[in-house]
Amino acid sequence: MQKIYSLISCFAALSAFAGGVGDGAVRTQTAILPEPQKAVWGEGVFDAGTGKVSRATVTRFERDASVPKEGYRLTVTPQAVTVVSSDDAGAYYAVKTLGQLARRENGRTVVPTVAVTDAPAYPWRAMSLDVSRHFFGKETVKRLLDVMAEYKYNVFHWHLVDDQGWRLEIKRYPKLVEYGAVRPE
């Protein structure tokens, strides 16, 4: 149990630094996590209105096969926000980066002008949750998934059982619990 709380504490610290995770929170400082391959900052800001930054904030999505898988180019000017990607995952990660860049100024949501180029360094960016010995409620698992999405992880490994006992009831296979949940003395 302590292990997951340590993990969540680590994410909470990152969230505090980045200004909130998974809730579309808008920050007063700019941080992109994980750090992109390239970011060139400009002058001025894009005014995104009074709401949260989302997919609807982007003024133009484009496809370009030369962009690596899950990669993107995000360009923010005072007039527009453009996302170029080769797939839906890249567009999704660009919107996540856009949300990390957003901040509040005078009651408005603004995004600094920037040109970001990024692609994953590794195709498998995973988090593992071991619930074979400790139970975690639905809300904890959902929160972990939100944090993973915010930081662009793409694989969730849910370790449900161990050799010490099968504790997951499957009505179609009742003997798994009957025999697997107990050890001979």
N, C-alpha and C. Protein backbone atom coordinates (compact mmCIF):
# COMPACT_ATOMS: atom_id res chain seq x y z
N MET A 1 0.83 -1.18 0.00
CA MET A 1 0.00 0.00 0.00
C MET A 1 0.88 1.25 0.00
N GLN A 2 1.95 1.20 0.79
CA GLN A 2 2.84 2.35 0.88
C GLN A 2 3.46 2.68 -0.47
N LYS A 3 3.72 1.64 -1.28
CA LYS A 3 4.35 1.83 -2.58
C LYS A 3 3.50 2.71 -3.50
N ILE A 4 2.19 2.46 -3.55
CA ILE A 4 1.32 3.25 -4.43
C ILE A 4 1.19 4.67 -3.91
N TYR A 5 1.15 4.84 -2.58
CA TYR A 5 1.06 6.19 -2.05
C TYR A 5 2.34 6.98 -2.35
N SER A 6 3.48 6.30 -2.33
CA SER A 6 4.73 6.96 -2.71
C SER A 6 4.69 7.36 -4.17
N LEU A 7 4.18 6.47 -5.01
CA LEU A 7 4.07 6.76 -6.43
C LEU A 7 3.12 7.94 -6.66
N ILE A 8 1.97 7.90 -6.01
CA ILE A 8 1.00 9.00 -6.17
C ILE A 8 1.58 10.30 -5.63
N SER A 9 2.34 10.22 -4.53
CA SER A 9 2.99 11.42 -3.99
C SER A 9 3.96 12.01 -4.99
N CYS A 10 4.70 11.13 -5.69
CA CYS A 10 5.62 11.60 -6.72
C CYS A 10 4.87 12.33 -7.82
N PHE A 11 3.76 11.74 -8.28
CA PHE A 11 2.96 12.40 -9.31
C PHE A 11 2.33 13.68 -8.79
N ALA A 12 1.95 13.69 -7.51
CA ALA A 12 1.37 14.90 -6.93
C ALA A 12 2.39 16.04 -6.93
N ALA A 13 3.64 15.69 -6.63
CA ALA A 13 4.69 16.71 -6.66
C ALA A 13 4.88 17.24 -8.07
N LEU A 14 4.90 16.33 -9.06
CA LEU A 14 5.00 16.77 -10.45
C LEU A 14 3.79 17.61 -10.84
N SER A 15 2.62 17.19 -10.37
CA SER A 15 1.40 17.92 -10.68
C SER A 15 1.44 19.33 -10.10
N ALA A 16 1.92 19.43 -8.87
CA ALA A 16 2.02 20.75 -8.24
C ALA A 16 2.96 21.64 -9.03
N PHE A 17 4.08 21.04 -9.50
CA PHE A 17 5.02 21.80 -10.31
C PHE A 17 4.38 22.25 -11.61
N ALA A 18 3.66 21.31 -12.25
CA ALA A 18 3.04 21.61 -13.54
C ALA A 18 1.71 22.33 -13.37
N GLY A 19 1.19 22.38 -12.14
CA GLY A 19 -0.01 23.16 -11.90
C GLY A 19 -1.31 22.39 -11.97
N GLY A 20 -1.30 21.08 -11.90
CA GLY A 20 -2.54 20.32 -11.92
C GLY A 20 -2.52 19.30 -13.03
N VAL A 21 -3.09 18.15 -12.78
CA VAL A 21 -3.06 17.08 -13.75
C VAL A 21 -4.46 16.59 -14.05
N GLY A 22 -4.74 16.37 -15.32
CA GLY A 22 -5.96 15.69 -15.70
C GLY A 22 -7.23 16.49 -15.56
N ASP A 23 -7.17 17.71 -15.01
CA ASP A 23 -8.39 18.46 -14.80
C ASP A 23 -8.46 19.68 -15.70
N GLY A 24 -7.54 19.82 -16.63
CA GLY A 24 -7.54 20.97 -17.53
C GLY A 24 -7.14 22.25 -16.81
N ALA A 25 -6.52 22.12 -15.65
CA ALA A 25 -6.13 23.29 -14.87
C ALA A 25 -5.17 24.16 -15.67
N VAL A 26 -5.27 25.46 -15.46
CA VAL A 26 -4.44 26.41 -16.16
C VAL A 26 -3.43 26.97 -15.18
N ARG A 27 -2.16 27.04 -15.58
CA ARG A 27 -1.09 27.41 -14.69
C ARG A 27 -0.65 28.86 -14.83
N THR A 28 0.08 29.30 -13.82
CA THR A 28 0.67 30.63 -13.89
C THR A 28 2.12 30.55 -14.36
N GLN A 29 2.68 29.36 -14.49
CA GLN A 29 4.03 29.17 -15.02
C GLN A 29 3.98 28.14 -16.14
N THR A 30 4.98 28.15 -16.99
CA THR A 30 4.97 27.26 -18.14
C THR A 30 5.95 26.11 -17.92
N ALA A 31 5.44 24.89 -18.10
CA ALA A 31 6.28 23.69 -18.01
C ALA A 31 5.72 22.66 -18.96
N ILE A 32 6.58 21.98 -19.70
CA ILE A 32 6.16 20.89 -20.56
C ILE A 32 6.83 19.63 -20.04
N LEU A 33 6.02 18.66 -19.64
CA LEU A 33 6.54 17.40 -19.12
C LEU A 33 5.94 16.26 -19.91
N PRO A 34 6.69 15.32 -20.41
CA PRO A 34 8.14 15.35 -20.44
C PRO A 34 8.66 16.42 -21.40
N GLU A 35 9.88 16.81 -21.20
CA GLU A 35 10.48 17.87 -22.01
C GLU A 35 10.50 17.47 -23.49
N PRO A 36 10.04 18.37 -24.36
CA PRO A 36 10.00 18.03 -25.80
C PRO A 36 11.38 18.04 -26.44
N GLN A 37 11.46 17.46 -27.63
CA GLN A 37 12.72 17.44 -28.37
C GLN A 37 13.19 18.85 -28.69
N LYS A 38 12.23 19.72 -29.05
CA LYS A 38 12.59 21.08 -29.43
C LYS A 38 11.44 22.01 -29.13
N ALA A 39 11.76 23.16 -28.54
CA ALA A 39 10.77 24.21 -28.29
C ALA A 39 11.42 25.55 -28.56
N VAL A 40 10.83 26.31 -29.48
CA VAL A 40 11.34 27.64 -29.81
C VAL A 40 10.27 28.63 -29.39
N TRP A 41 10.59 29.46 -28.40
CA TRP A 41 9.63 30.39 -27.83
C TRP A 41 9.59 31.68 -28.64
N GLY A 42 8.40 32.24 -28.77
CA GLY A 42 8.22 33.48 -29.50
C GLY A 42 7.77 34.60 -28.57
N GLU A 43 7.33 35.70 -29.18
CA GLU A 43 6.82 36.85 -28.42
C GLU A 43 5.31 36.87 -28.50
N GLY A 44 4.66 37.22 -27.42
CA GLY A 44 3.21 37.34 -27.42
C GLY A 44 2.53 36.06 -26.97
N VAL A 45 1.19 36.09 -27.01
CA VAL A 45 0.39 34.96 -26.55
C VAL A 45 -0.81 34.76 -27.48
N PHE A 46 -1.33 33.54 -27.45
CA PHE A 46 -2.59 33.22 -28.12
C PHE A 46 -3.67 33.29 -27.06
N ASP A 47 -4.73 34.07 -27.30
CA ASP A 47 -5.84 34.20 -26.36
C ASP A 47 -6.83 33.09 -26.63
N ALA A 48 -6.97 32.16 -25.67
CA ALA A 48 -7.86 31.01 -25.83
C ALA A 48 -9.23 31.25 -25.20
N GLY A 49 -9.51 32.46 -24.77
CA GLY A 49 -10.82 32.76 -24.20
C GLY A 49 -10.82 32.58 -22.69
N THR A 50 -12.01 32.31 -22.15
CA THR A 50 -12.14 32.22 -20.70
C THR A 50 -12.20 30.79 -20.19
N GLY A 51 -12.31 29.82 -21.09
CA GLY A 51 -12.44 28.42 -20.67
C GLY A 51 -11.13 27.68 -20.60
N LYS A 52 -11.25 26.37 -20.49
CA LYS A 52 -10.08 25.50 -20.44
C LYS A 52 -9.58 25.22 -21.84
N VAL A 53 -8.30 24.93 -21.93
CA VAL A 53 -7.71 24.56 -23.22
C VAL A 53 -8.11 23.12 -23.52
N SER A 54 -8.55 22.88 -24.75
CA SER A 54 -8.96 21.54 -25.17
C SER A 54 -8.70 21.38 -26.66
N ARG A 55 -9.18 20.28 -27.20
CA ARG A 55 -9.05 20.03 -28.65
C ARG A 55 -9.69 21.16 -29.46
N ALA A 56 -10.76 21.72 -28.94
CA ALA A 56 -11.47 22.80 -29.63
C ALA A 56 -10.64 24.08 -29.73
N THR A 57 -9.61 24.22 -28.90
CA THR A 57 -8.74 25.39 -28.93
C THR A 57 -7.89 25.42 -30.19
N VAL A 58 -7.57 24.24 -30.72
CA VAL A 58 -6.71 24.14 -31.90
C VAL A 58 -7.49 24.64 -33.12
N THR A 59 -6.89 25.57 -33.86
CA THR A 59 -7.58 26.14 -35.02
C THR A 59 -7.38 25.31 -36.29
N ARG A 60 -6.30 24.49 -36.32
CA ARG A 60 -6.08 23.67 -37.52
C ARG A 60 -5.29 22.41 -37.18
N PHE A 61 -5.81 21.26 -37.62
CA PHE A 61 -5.11 19.98 -37.52
C PHE A 61 -4.69 19.58 -38.92
N GLU A 62 -3.45 19.11 -39.07
CA GLU A 62 -2.95 18.64 -40.36
C GLU A 62 -2.30 17.28 -40.19
N ARG A 63 -2.28 16.49 -41.27
CA ARG A 63 -1.58 15.21 -41.28
C ARG A 63 -0.33 15.32 -42.13
N ASP A 64 0.75 14.74 -41.64
CA ASP A 64 2.01 14.72 -42.37
C ASP A 64 2.69 13.39 -42.07
N ALA A 65 2.82 12.55 -43.09
CA ALA A 65 3.39 11.22 -42.91
C ALA A 65 4.86 11.25 -42.48
N SER A 66 5.54 12.39 -42.66
CA SER A 66 6.95 12.46 -42.28
C SER A 66 7.14 12.64 -40.76
N VAL A 67 6.08 12.98 -40.05
CA VAL A 67 6.16 13.12 -38.59
C VAL A 67 6.20 11.71 -37.99
N PRO A 68 7.11 11.44 -37.06
CA PRO A 68 7.20 10.09 -36.47
C PRO A 68 5.88 9.67 -35.79
N LYS A 69 5.70 8.37 -35.67
CA LYS A 69 4.51 7.84 -35.00
C LYS A 69 4.40 8.44 -33.60
N GLU A 70 3.21 8.89 -33.24
CA GLU A 70 2.89 9.52 -31.96
C GLU A 70 3.60 10.86 -31.77
N GLY A 71 4.28 11.36 -32.78
CA GLY A 71 4.95 12.64 -32.70
C GLY A 71 4.04 13.76 -33.18
N TYR A 72 4.48 14.99 -33.00
CA TYR A 72 3.69 16.14 -33.43
C TYR A 72 4.55 17.38 -33.56
N ARG A 73 4.01 18.34 -34.30
CA ARG A 73 4.54 19.70 -34.34
C ARG A 73 3.40 20.61 -33.90
N LEU A 74 3.62 21.36 -32.86
CA LEU A 74 2.63 22.29 -32.31
C LEU A 74 3.14 23.70 -32.53
N THR A 75 2.37 24.51 -33.24
CA THR A 75 2.76 25.89 -33.49
C THR A 75 1.68 26.80 -32.93
N VAL A 76 2.09 27.67 -32.01
CA VAL A 76 1.18 28.63 -31.41
C VAL A 76 1.65 30.03 -31.80
N THR A 77 0.77 30.77 -32.48
CA THR A 77 1.03 32.17 -32.82
C THR A 77 -0.07 32.99 -32.15
N PRO A 78 0.04 34.31 -32.14
CA PRO A 78 -1.04 35.11 -31.56
C PRO A 78 -2.38 34.93 -32.28
N GLN A 79 -2.35 34.46 -33.54
CA GLN A 79 -3.57 34.33 -34.32
C GLN A 79 -4.13 32.91 -34.34
N ALA A 80 -3.29 31.87 -34.18
CA ALA A 80 -3.76 30.50 -34.40
C ALA A 80 -2.93 29.47 -33.65
N VAL A 81 -3.54 28.28 -33.51
CA VAL A 81 -2.85 27.12 -32.95
C VAL A 81 -2.96 26.01 -33.99
N THR A 82 -1.80 25.51 -34.45
CA THR A 82 -1.77 24.48 -35.48
C THR A 82 -1.07 23.24 -34.94
N VAL A 83 -1.67 22.08 -35.21
CA VAL A 83 -1.08 20.79 -34.83
C VAL A 83 -0.87 19.98 -36.10
N VAL A 84 0.36 19.49 -36.28
CA VAL A 84 0.69 18.62 -37.40
C VAL A 84 1.15 17.30 -36.81
N SER A 85 0.52 16.20 -37.25
CA SER A 85 0.88 14.88 -36.75
C SER A 85 0.62 13.84 -37.84
N SER A 86 1.18 12.65 -37.65
CA SER A 86 0.94 11.59 -38.62
C SER A 86 -0.19 10.67 -38.17
N ASP A 87 -0.61 10.77 -36.91
CA ASP A 87 -1.67 9.90 -36.39
C ASP A 87 -2.45 10.60 -35.29
N ASP A 88 -3.53 9.96 -34.86
CA ASP A 88 -4.38 10.53 -33.82
C ASP A 88 -3.65 10.66 -32.48
N ALA A 89 -2.77 9.71 -32.17
CA ALA A 89 -2.03 9.76 -30.90
C ALA A 89 -1.16 11.02 -30.85
N GLY A 90 -0.49 11.34 -31.94
CA GLY A 90 0.33 12.55 -31.98
C GLY A 90 -0.50 13.80 -31.76
N ALA A 91 -1.67 13.87 -32.38
CA ALA A 91 -2.56 15.02 -32.19
C ALA A 91 -3.01 15.10 -30.73
N TYR A 92 -3.31 13.96 -30.12
CA TYR A 92 -3.72 13.92 -28.72
C TYR A 92 -2.61 14.45 -27.81
N TYR A 93 -1.36 14.00 -28.05
CA TYR A 93 -0.25 14.45 -27.23
C TYR A 93 0.03 15.94 -27.43
N ALA A 94 -0.20 16.45 -28.63
CA ALA A 94 -0.03 17.88 -28.88
C ALA A 94 -1.03 18.69 -28.06
N VAL A 95 -2.26 18.22 -27.99
CA VAL A 95 -3.28 18.91 -27.19
C VAL A 95 -2.92 18.86 -25.71
N LYS A 96 -2.35 17.74 -25.25
CA LYS A 96 -1.89 17.64 -23.86
C LYS A 96 -0.79 18.67 -23.58
N THR A 97 0.13 18.82 -24.54
CA THR A 97 1.19 19.82 -24.39
C THR A 97 0.60 21.23 -24.37
N LEU A 98 -0.37 21.47 -25.22
CA LEU A 98 -1.04 22.77 -25.26
C LEU A 98 -1.65 23.09 -23.89
N GLY A 99 -2.26 22.10 -23.27
CA GLY A 99 -2.84 22.28 -21.94
C GLY A 99 -1.78 22.59 -20.89
N GLN A 100 -0.60 22.00 -21.03
CA GLN A 100 0.48 22.28 -20.09
C GLN A 100 1.02 23.70 -20.26
N LEU A 101 0.92 24.22 -21.46
CA LEU A 101 1.44 25.56 -21.73
C LEU A 101 0.49 26.67 -21.27
N ALA A 102 -0.79 26.37 -21.18
CA ALA A 102 -1.79 27.39 -20.88
C ALA A 102 -1.63 27.97 -19.49
N ARG A 103 -1.99 29.24 -19.36
CA ARG A 103 -1.97 29.91 -18.06
C ARG A 103 -3.07 30.98 -18.02
N ARG A 104 -3.37 31.47 -16.83
CA ARG A 104 -4.40 32.50 -16.66
C ARG A 104 -3.74 33.87 -16.58
N GLU A 105 -4.30 34.82 -17.31
CA GLU A 105 -3.88 36.22 -17.23
C GLU A 105 -5.12 37.09 -17.31
N ASN A 106 -5.37 37.87 -16.28
CA ASN A 106 -6.50 38.80 -16.25
C ASN A 106 -7.82 38.12 -16.59
N GLY A 107 -8.05 36.94 -16.03
CA GLY A 107 -9.31 36.24 -16.24
C GLY A 107 -9.43 35.53 -17.58
N ARG A 108 -8.38 35.54 -18.37
CA ARG A 108 -8.39 34.89 -19.69
C ARG A 108 -7.38 33.75 -19.68
N THR A 109 -7.61 32.77 -20.54
CA THR A 109 -6.65 31.68 -20.72
C THR A 109 -5.78 32.04 -21.91
N VAL A 110 -4.49 32.05 -21.68
CA VAL A 110 -3.55 32.39 -22.75
C VAL A 110 -2.50 31.29 -22.87
N VAL A 111 -1.96 31.17 -24.09
CA VAL A 111 -0.90 30.22 -24.37
C VAL A 111 0.25 31.00 -25.00
N PRO A 112 1.46 30.89 -24.46
CA PRO A 112 2.59 31.62 -25.05
C PRO A 112 2.88 31.13 -26.47
N THR A 113 3.37 32.02 -27.30
CA THR A 113 3.71 31.62 -28.67
C THR A 113 4.95 30.73 -28.62
N VAL A 114 4.87 29.64 -29.35
CA VAL A 114 5.93 28.64 -29.31
C VAL A 114 5.78 27.71 -30.51
N ALA A 115 6.89 27.13 -30.90
CA ALA A 115 6.89 26.06 -31.91
C ALA A 115 7.52 24.85 -31.23
N VAL A 116 6.73 23.80 -31.01
CA VAL A 116 7.19 22.59 -30.32
C VAL A 116 7.24 21.44 -31.32
N THR A 117 8.35 20.74 -31.34
CA THR A 117 8.48 19.51 -32.12
C THR A 117 8.81 18.40 -31.13
N ASP A 118 8.01 17.34 -31.17
CA ASP A 118 8.24 16.27 -30.21
C ASP A 118 7.78 14.93 -30.77
N ALA A 119 8.41 13.88 -30.30
CA ALA A 119 8.04 12.50 -30.60
C ALA A 119 8.57 11.66 -29.45
N PRO A 120 7.91 10.55 -29.14
CA PRO A 120 8.36 9.72 -28.03
C PRO A 120 9.76 9.16 -28.26
N ALA A 121 10.57 9.15 -27.21
CA ALA A 121 11.89 8.54 -27.30
C ALA A 121 11.79 7.02 -27.31
N TYR A 122 10.71 6.50 -26.70
CA TYR A 122 10.50 5.06 -26.61
C TYR A 122 9.07 4.73 -27.01
N PRO A 123 8.86 3.64 -27.75
CA PRO A 123 7.49 3.30 -28.15
C PRO A 123 6.64 2.79 -26.99
N TRP A 124 7.26 2.25 -25.94
CA TRP A 124 6.56 1.67 -24.82
C TRP A 124 6.83 2.55 -23.59
N ARG A 125 5.87 3.39 -23.24
CA ARG A 125 6.00 4.26 -22.07
C ARG A 125 4.92 3.80 -21.09
N ALA A 126 5.32 3.02 -20.08
CA ALA A 126 4.35 2.29 -19.29
C ALA A 126 4.39 2.62 -17.81
N MET A 127 3.26 2.33 -17.19
CA MET A 127 3.12 2.39 -15.73
C MET A 127 2.49 1.07 -15.32
N SER A 128 2.93 0.55 -14.19
CA SER A 128 2.40 -0.71 -13.70
C SER A 128 1.73 -0.48 -12.35
N LEU A 129 0.58 -1.10 -12.16
CA LEU A 129 -0.12 -1.04 -10.88
C LEU A 129 -0.32 -2.48 -10.41
N ASP A 130 0.26 -2.82 -9.26
CA ASP A 130 0.19 -4.17 -8.73
C ASP A 130 -0.90 -4.22 -7.67
N VAL A 131 -2.03 -4.82 -8.02
CA VAL A 131 -3.14 -4.94 -7.08
C VAL A 131 -3.32 -6.38 -6.62
N SER A 132 -2.34 -7.23 -6.84
CA SER A 132 -2.48 -8.63 -6.45
C SER A 132 -2.45 -8.80 -4.93
N ARG A 133 -1.77 -7.92 -4.23
CA ARG A 133 -1.71 -8.01 -2.77
C ARG A 133 -2.44 -6.88 -2.06
N HIS A 134 -2.67 -5.77 -2.73
CA HIS A 134 -3.32 -4.61 -2.12
C HIS A 134 -4.43 -4.11 -3.03
N PHE A 135 -5.57 -3.82 -2.45
CA PHE A 135 -6.71 -3.36 -3.22
C PHE A 135 -6.65 -1.84 -3.41
N PHE A 136 -6.95 -1.39 -4.61
CA PHE A 136 -7.07 0.03 -4.90
C PHE A 136 -8.43 0.25 -5.54
N GLY A 137 -9.16 1.21 -5.05
CA GLY A 137 -10.49 1.48 -5.56
C GLY A 137 -10.49 2.03 -6.98
N LYS A 138 -11.69 2.04 -7.54
CA LYS A 138 -11.87 2.50 -8.92
C LYS A 138 -11.36 3.93 -9.10
N GLU A 139 -11.64 4.81 -8.16
CA GLU A 139 -11.22 6.21 -8.29
C GLU A 139 -9.70 6.35 -8.31
N THR A 140 -8.99 5.53 -7.54
CA THR A 140 -7.53 5.57 -7.53
C THR A 140 -6.98 5.14 -8.89
N VAL A 141 -7.56 4.07 -9.45
CA VAL A 141 -7.10 3.59 -10.76
C VAL A 141 -7.40 4.63 -11.83
N LYS A 142 -8.59 5.23 -11.79
CA LYS A 142 -8.94 6.25 -12.77
C LYS A 142 -8.01 7.46 -12.66
N ARG A 143 -7.66 7.85 -11.45
CA ARG A 143 -6.74 8.98 -11.24
C ARG A 143 -5.36 8.66 -11.82
N LEU A 144 -4.90 7.42 -11.60
CA LEU A 144 -3.60 7.02 -12.15
C LEU A 144 -3.63 7.07 -13.68
N LEU A 145 -4.72 6.62 -14.29
CA LEU A 145 -4.85 6.68 -15.74
C LEU A 145 -4.85 8.13 -16.24
N ASP A 146 -5.50 9.03 -15.51
CA ASP A 146 -5.48 10.45 -15.89
C ASP A 146 -4.07 11.03 -15.83
N VAL A 147 -3.34 10.67 -14.78
CA VAL A 147 -1.96 11.15 -14.64
C VAL A 147 -1.10 10.60 -15.78
N MET A 148 -1.29 9.33 -16.10
CA MET A 148 -0.54 8.72 -17.21
C MET A 148 -0.81 9.45 -18.52
N ALA A 149 -2.07 9.77 -18.78
CA ALA A 149 -2.42 10.49 -20.02
C ALA A 149 -1.78 11.86 -20.04
N GLU A 150 -1.77 12.54 -18.90
CA GLU A 150 -1.19 13.89 -18.85
C GLU A 150 0.29 13.87 -19.19
N TYR A 151 1.00 12.83 -18.76
CA TYR A 151 2.43 12.75 -18.99
C TYR A 151 2.79 11.85 -20.17
N LYS A 152 1.80 11.53 -21.00
CA LYS A 152 1.99 10.87 -22.30
C LYS A 152 2.50 9.43 -22.20
N TYR A 153 2.12 8.74 -21.13
CA TYR A 153 2.37 7.30 -21.05
C TYR A 153 1.36 6.62 -21.97
N ASN A 154 1.72 5.49 -22.56
CA ASN A 154 0.80 4.86 -23.52
C ASN A 154 0.45 3.42 -23.19
N VAL A 155 0.98 2.84 -22.12
CA VAL A 155 0.66 1.46 -21.76
C VAL A 155 0.40 1.40 -20.25
N PHE A 156 -0.70 0.75 -19.89
CA PHE A 156 -1.03 0.52 -18.48
C PHE A 156 -0.97 -0.97 -18.22
N HIS A 157 -0.05 -1.39 -17.35
CA HIS A 157 0.07 -2.80 -16.99
C HIS A 157 -0.61 -2.99 -15.64
N TRP A 158 -1.69 -3.74 -15.63
CA TRP A 158 -2.44 -3.96 -14.41
C TRP A 158 -2.16 -5.36 -13.91
N HIS A 159 -1.34 -5.47 -12.89
CA HIS A 159 -0.93 -6.76 -12.34
C HIS A 159 -2.02 -7.22 -11.37
N LEU A 160 -2.88 -8.13 -11.82
CA LEU A 160 -4.05 -8.52 -11.04
C LEU A 160 -3.80 -9.68 -10.09
N VAL A 161 -2.97 -10.62 -10.46
CA VAL A 161 -2.80 -11.83 -9.65
C VAL A 161 -1.32 -12.22 -9.56
N ASP A 162 -1.02 -13.00 -8.52
CA ASP A 162 0.31 -13.58 -8.32
C ASP A 162 0.17 -15.08 -8.11
N ASP A 163 1.31 -15.75 -8.03
CA ASP A 163 1.26 -17.19 -7.83
C ASP A 163 0.79 -17.56 -6.42
N GLN A 164 0.78 -16.61 -5.49
CA GLN A 164 0.34 -16.90 -4.13
C GLN A 164 -1.16 -17.14 -4.05
N GLY A 165 -1.90 -16.74 -5.03
CA GLY A 165 -3.33 -16.99 -4.97
C GLY A 165 -4.10 -16.23 -6.03
N TRP A 166 -5.11 -16.87 -6.55
CA TRP A 166 -5.99 -16.24 -7.54
C TRP A 166 -7.15 -15.63 -6.78
N ARG A 167 -7.29 -14.32 -6.79
CA ARG A 167 -8.34 -13.66 -6.02
C ARG A 167 -9.37 -12.97 -6.90
N LEU A 168 -9.25 -13.11 -8.17
CA LEU A 168 -10.17 -12.48 -9.10
C LEU A 168 -11.27 -13.47 -9.46
N GLU A 169 -12.50 -13.18 -9.05
CA GLU A 169 -13.60 -14.10 -9.32
C GLU A 169 -14.06 -13.98 -10.77
N ILE A 170 -14.07 -15.13 -11.45
CA ILE A 170 -14.61 -15.22 -12.80
C ILE A 170 -15.66 -16.31 -12.75
N LYS A 171 -16.92 -15.92 -12.89
CA LYS A 171 -18.03 -16.85 -12.71
C LYS A 171 -17.95 -18.05 -13.64
N ARG A 172 -17.37 -17.87 -14.80
CA ARG A 172 -17.26 -18.97 -15.76
C ARG A 172 -16.25 -20.03 -15.30
N TYR A 173 -15.29 -19.61 -14.47
CA TYR A 173 -14.24 -20.52 -13.98
C TYR A 173 -14.19 -20.49 -12.45
N PRO A 174 -15.20 -21.06 -11.78
CA PRO A 174 -15.24 -20.97 -10.31
C PRO A 174 -14.10 -21.71 -9.61
N LYS A 175 -13.53 -22.70 -10.25
CA LYS A 175 -12.47 -23.48 -9.59
C LYS A 175 -11.16 -22.69 -9.48
N LEU A 176 -11.01 -21.62 -10.27
CA LEU A 176 -9.81 -20.79 -10.13
C LEU A 176 -9.73 -20.22 -8.72
N VAL A 177 -10.85 -19.74 -8.20
CA VAL A 177 -10.87 -19.19 -6.86
C VAL A 177 -10.85 -20.33 -5.84
N GLU A 178 -11.63 -21.38 -6.09
CA GLU A 178 -11.75 -22.50 -5.15
C GLU A 178 -10.38 -23.12 -4.87
N TYR A 179 -9.59 -23.34 -5.89
CA TYR A 179 -8.28 -23.98 -5.71
C TYR A 179 -7.12 -22.99 -5.69
N GLY A 180 -7.25 -21.91 -6.46
CA GLY A 180 -6.12 -20.99 -6.59
C GLY A 180 -5.99 -19.98 -5.47
N ALA A 181 -7.06 -19.75 -4.71
CA ALA A 181 -7.01 -18.73 -3.67
C ALA A 181 -6.46 -19.24 -2.35
N VAL A 182 -6.21 -20.52 -2.25
CA VAL A 182 -5.68 -21.09 -1.02
C VAL A 182 -4.41 -21.88 -1.31
N ARG A 183 -3.54 -21.93 -0.33
CA ARG A 183 -2.31 -22.71 -0.48
C ARG A 183 -2.37 -23.90 0.46
N PRO A 184 -1.89 -25.03 0.00
CA PRO A 184 -1.87 -26.19 0.91
C PRO A 184 -0.91 -25.90 2.06
N GLU A 185 -1.28 -26.37 3.23
CA GLU A 185 -0.45 -26.11 4.44
C GLU A 185 0.76 -26.97 4.49
